[in-house]
């Protein structure tokens, strides 16, 4: 285990993501605090890839807090929509009157897929970046293949989980228990690479 990682700032204002990352780090005895708890602002995501956005958020949190920061940028890439919503997953959830609603986002996805036809194949992609206050950044990427289902099913997940079913599964990510999702998700895939590097004895 690398002794330098005892406390990490989770660079996300998404409570679902923070909870999932906290759960994944808990077995390694790492204390976590979120940027929301530290009242740190959310930087503009100006990157054009998941990795660029993850690195941008992790660096901003590390610089502002003076602590090691971990950021995840992830999204759903649908083949029939040429990879959309992709890095713009949250923007698809923006309501015309303001605020975000993922029921609205999922309905938009379904509507666009109905227009273009094509395959239901999709994947969740995750880029996980670890940034140190002195400037070093390490990024790990993971993904899970699956397909889009309609109507949405389940209430255990967040974001697009209710319309995503991993290959070989009969349940959506919002229907399976969080522990099972932690074992197979895109975030878990990226996390496994992160853990192998930073907690080799874990």
Foldseek 3Di string as FASTA:
>chain_A
DFPQAAEEEELDPDPQVVVLVCVLCVVVNHHYHYCVNVVHDRDDQPDPAQQSSQQVSQQSCCQVPVAKYKYKQKDKAFVLVVGPPHSVLQVLQADPVGDGDLLSSLVVVVVVCVVRPDFQKMKMKMKMWIAHNVGDIDIFIFMFIFGFAPDFDAQQHDRRQRGTDTPPDPHTSRHDHSVVCCCGHRVVRRVVVVCCVRVVVD
